[in-house]
Amino acid sequence: QVQLVESGGGLVQPGGSLRLSCAASGITFRLYVLGWYRQAPGKQRELVAAINSGGSTNYVDSGKGRFTISRDNAKHTVYLQMNSLKPEDTAVYYCNAQRTTIARDFWGQGTQVTVSS
């Protein structure tokens, strides 16, 4: 059974930082593209950051310079370090694991991030 379990969300003041974690089980973790998505109320889910099996990364424009995605294949965990948080970063953040060659696509349950004073 595949599980992606996010943690690390919460309430933070503008300018603050959070580190999200997503622990995966039931997949060959090192072969998957891992991503963090977010969905704010009334908006579509959007890709925030992704990292492939080789360690290459890409980010949403609004997150460049503030967010860092990383992976620890030994711990089967992907991280999203978020700095200089803004109110517009408020959303539910979801972890995703994809392996398109075998049509596998898995999601976590989401973790709430609220940026407010």
C-alpha atoms as a PDB file:
ATOM      1  CA  GLN A   1       0.000   0.000   0.000  1.00  0.00           C
ATOM      2  CA  VAL A   2       1.351   3.379  -1.037  1.00  0.00           C
ATOM      3  CA  GLN A   3       1.336   6.175   1.506  1.00  0.00           C
ATOM      4  CA  LEU A   4       2.552   9.744   1.336  1.00  0.00           C
ATOM      5  CA  VAL A   5       2.347  11.470   4.705  1.00  0.00           C
ATOM      6  CA  GLU A   6       2.956  15.211   4.923  1.00  0.00           C
ATOM      7  CA  SER A   7       3.911  17.101   8.045  1.00  0.00           C
ATOM      8  CA  GLY A   8       5.253  20.482   9.027  1.00  0.00           C
ATOM      9  CA  GLY A   9       2.398  22.786   8.132  1.00  0.00           C
ATOM     10  CA  GLY A  10       0.989  25.373  10.472  1.00  0.00           C
ATOM     11  CA  LEU A  11       0.474  29.049  11.182  1.00  0.00           C
ATOM     12  CA  VAL A  12       3.381  31.405  10.583  1.00  0.00           C
ATOM     13  CA  GLN A  13       3.770  35.166  10.432  1.00  0.00           C
ATOM     14  CA  PRO A  14       4.679  36.912   7.181  1.00  0.00           C
ATOM     15  CA  GLY A  15       8.411  36.679   6.647  1.00  0.00           C
ATOM     16  CA  GLY A  16       8.646  33.454   8.591  1.00  0.00           C
ATOM     17  CA  SER A  17       9.748  29.989   7.522  1.00  0.00           C
ATOM     18  CA  LEU A  18       8.334  26.494   7.468  1.00  0.00           C
ATOM     19  CA  ARG A  19       9.766  23.151   6.442  1.00  0.00           C
ATOM     20  CA  LEU A  20       7.346  20.621   5.032  1.00  0.00           C
ATOM     21  CA  SER A  21       8.182  16.930   4.982  1.00  0.00           C
ATOM     22  CA  CYS A  22       6.606  14.075   3.080  1.00  0.00           C
ATOM     23  CA  ALA A  23       7.452  10.511   4.032  1.00  0.00           C
ATOM     24  CA  ALA A  24       6.706   7.897   1.394  1.00  0.00           C
ATOM     25  CA  SER A  25       6.200   4.172   1.689  1.00  0.00           C
ATOM     26  CA  GLY A  26       5.224   1.432  -0.724  1.00  0.00           C
ATOM     27  CA  ILE A  27       7.079   2.844  -3.745  1.00  0.00           C
ATOM     28  CA  THR A  28      10.571   2.609  -5.210  1.00  0.00           C
ATOM     29  CA  PHE A  29      11.184   6.121  -3.974  1.00  0.00           C
ATOM     30  CA  ARG A  30      14.428   6.884  -5.818  1.00  0.00           C
ATOM     31  CA  LEU A  31      12.756   6.360  -9.214  1.00  0.00           C
ATOM     32  CA  TYR A  32       9.945   8.860  -8.691  1.00  0.00           C
ATOM     33  CA  VAL A  33       9.594  12.512  -9.560  1.00  0.00           C
ATOM     34  CA  LEU A  34       8.493  14.227  -6.362  1.00  0.00           C
ATOM     35  CA  GLY A  35       6.530  17.411  -6.188  1.00  0.00           C
ATOM     36  CA  TRP A  36       4.831  19.818  -3.865  1.00  0.00           C
ATOM     37  CA  TYR A  37       1.555  21.330  -5.004  1.00  0.00           C
ATOM     38  CA  ARG A  38      -0.734  23.779  -3.283  1.00  0.00           C
ATOM     39  CA  GLN A  39      -4.361  24.744  -3.487  1.00  0.00           C
ATOM     40  CA  ALA A  40      -5.786  27.911  -2.037  1.00  0.00           C
ATOM     41  CA  PRO A  41      -9.548  28.375  -1.504  1.00  0.00           C
ATOM     42  CA  GLY A  42     -11.283  29.041  -4.788  1.00  0.00           C
ATOM     43  CA  LYS A  43      -8.161  28.405  -6.836  1.00  0.00           C
ATOM     44  CA  GLN A  44      -6.796  25.536  -8.882  1.00  0.00           C
ATOM     45  CA  ARG A  45      -4.097  23.301  -7.544  1.00  0.00           C
ATOM     46  CA  GLU A  46      -0.694  24.474  -8.753  1.00  0.00           C
ATOM     47  CA  LEU A  47       2.780  23.012  -8.815  1.00  0.00           C
ATOM     48  CA  VAL A  48       5.067  24.710  -6.306  1.00  0.00           C
ATOM     49  CA  ALA A  49       8.267  22.716  -6.775  1.00  0.00           C
ATOM     50  CA  ALA A  50       9.438  19.421  -8.189  1.00  0.00           C
ATOM     51  CA  ILE A  51      12.583  17.316  -8.073  1.00  0.00           C
ATOM     52  CA  ASN A  52      13.370  14.420 -10.363  1.00  0.00           C
ATOM     53  CA  SER A  53      15.300  11.244  -9.708  1.00  0.00           C
ATOM     54  CA  GLY A  54      18.535  12.917 -10.746  1.00  0.00           C
ATOM     55  CA  GLY A  55      18.039  15.836  -8.386  1.00  0.00           C
ATOM     56  CA  SER A  56      17.069  18.472 -10.941  1.00  0.00           C
ATOM     57  CA  THR A  57      14.527  20.938  -9.614  1.00  0.00           C
ATOM     58  CA  ASN A  58      11.992  23.415 -10.871  1.00  0.00           C
ATOM     59  CA  TYR A  59       9.874  25.994  -9.066  1.00  0.00           C
ATOM     60  CA  VAL A  60       6.832  28.129  -9.520  1.00  0.00           C
ATOM     61  CA  ASP A  61       7.956  31.669 -10.356  1.00  0.00           C
ATOM     62  CA  SER A  62       6.574  33.064  -7.101  1.00  0.00           C
ATOM     63  CA  GLY A  63       8.658  30.574  -5.124  1.00  0.00           C
ATOM     64  CA  LYS A  64      12.018  31.051  -6.807  1.00  0.00           C
ATOM     65  CA  GLY A  65      14.587  32.295  -4.330  1.00  0.00           C
ATOM     66  CA  ARG A  66      12.306  31.536  -1.372  1.00  0.00           C
ATOM     67  CA  PHE A  67      11.506  27.812  -1.627  1.00  0.00           C
ATOM     68  CA  THR A  68      13.879  24.867  -1.791  1.00  0.00           C
ATOM     69  CA  ILE A  69      12.847  21.305  -2.545  1.00  0.00           C
ATOM     70  CA  SER A  70      15.118  18.428  -1.607  1.00  0.00           C
ATOM     71  CA  ARG A  71      14.933  14.679  -1.283  1.00  0.00           C
ATOM     72  CA  ASP A  72      16.541  12.050   0.914  1.00  0.00           C
ATOM     73  CA  ASN A  73      16.301   8.737  -0.910  1.00  0.00           C
ATOM     74  CA  ALA A  74      17.607   6.835   2.107  1.00  0.00           C
ATOM     75  CA  LYS A  75      14.795   8.179   4.276  1.00  0.00           C
ATOM     76  CA  HIS A  76      12.166   8.084   1.504  1.00  0.00           C
ATOM     77  CA  THR A  77      11.375  11.686   2.305  1.00  0.00           C
ATOM     78  CA  VAL A  78      10.977  14.871   0.296  1.00  0.00           C
ATOM     79  CA  TYR A  79      11.191  18.305   1.867  1.00  0.00           C
ATOM     80  CA  LEU A  80      10.066  21.806   1.023  1.00  0.00           C
ATOM     81  CA  GLN A  81      11.874  24.583   2.832  1.00  0.00           C
ATOM     82  CA  MET A  82       9.846  27.775   2.585  1.00  0.00           C
ATOM     83  CA  ASN A  83      11.381  31.094   3.611  1.00  0.00           C
ATOM     84  CA  SER A  84      10.138  34.681   3.505  1.00  0.00           C
ATOM     85  CA  LEU A  85       6.572  33.443   3.533  1.00  0.00           C
ATOM     86  CA  LYS A  86       3.813  35.722   2.319  1.00  0.00           C
ATOM     87  CA  PRO A  87       0.047  35.701   2.973  1.00  0.00           C
ATOM     88  CA  GLU A  88      -0.468  34.592  -0.626  1.00  0.00           C
ATOM     89  CA  ASP A  89       1.409  31.376   0.176  1.00  0.00           C
ATOM     90  CA  THR A  90      -1.528  30.339   2.328  1.00  0.00           C
ATOM     91  CA  ALA A  91      -2.919  27.063   0.971  1.00  0.00           C
ATOM     92  CA  VAL A  92      -3.156  23.347   1.521  1.00  0.00           C
ATOM     93  CA  TYR A  93       0.140  21.841   0.394  1.00  0.00           C
ATOM     94  CA  TYR A  94       0.143  18.382  -1.146  1.00  0.00           C
ATOM     95  CA  CYS A  95       2.976  15.961  -1.758  1.00  0.00           C
ATOM     96  CA  ASN A  96       3.002  14.093  -5.063  1.00  0.00           C
ATOM     97  CA  ALA A  97       5.011  11.169  -6.396  1.00  0.00           C
ATOM     98  CA  GLN A  98       4.957  10.394 -10.119  1.00  0.00           C
ATOM     99  CA  ARG A  99       6.494   7.778 -12.299  1.00  0.00           C
ATOM    100  CA  THR A 100       5.037   8.387 -15.745  1.00  0.00           C
ATOM    101  CA  THR A 101       6.767   5.413 -17.406  1.00  0.00           C
ATOM    102  CA  ILE A 102       4.513   3.067 -15.457  1.00  0.00           C
ATOM    103  CA  ALA A 103       1.566   5.468 -15.062  1.00  0.00           C
ATOM    104  CA  ARG A 104       1.893   5.827 -11.302  1.00  0.00           C
ATOM    105  CA  ASP A 105       0.731   9.015  -9.604  1.00  0.00           C
ATOM    106  CA  PHE A 106       0.212   9.257  -5.848  1.00  0.00           C
ATOM    107  CA  TRP A 107      -0.902  12.053  -3.524  1.00  0.00           C
ATOM    108  CA  GLY A 108      -0.655  12.797   0.140  1.00  0.00           C
ATOM    109  CA  GLN A 109      -3.548  14.025   2.233  1.00  0.00           C
ATOM    110  CA  GLY A 110      -2.307  17.614   2.393  1.00  0.00           C
ATOM    111  CA  THR A 111      -1.088  19.918   5.124  1.00  0.00           C
ATOM    112  CA  GLN A 112      -2.391  23.409   5.808  1.00  0.00           C
ATOM    113  CA  VAL A 113      -0.030  26.361   5.643  1.00  0.00           C
ATOM    114  CA  THR A 114      -1.397  29.672   6.872  1.00  0.00           C
ATOM    115  CA  VAL A 115       0.646  32.863   6.667  1.00  0.00           C
ATOM    116  CA  SER A 116      -0.953  35.579   8.745  1.00  0.00           C
ATOM    117  CA  SER A 117      -0.130  38.149  11.382  1.00  0.00           C
END
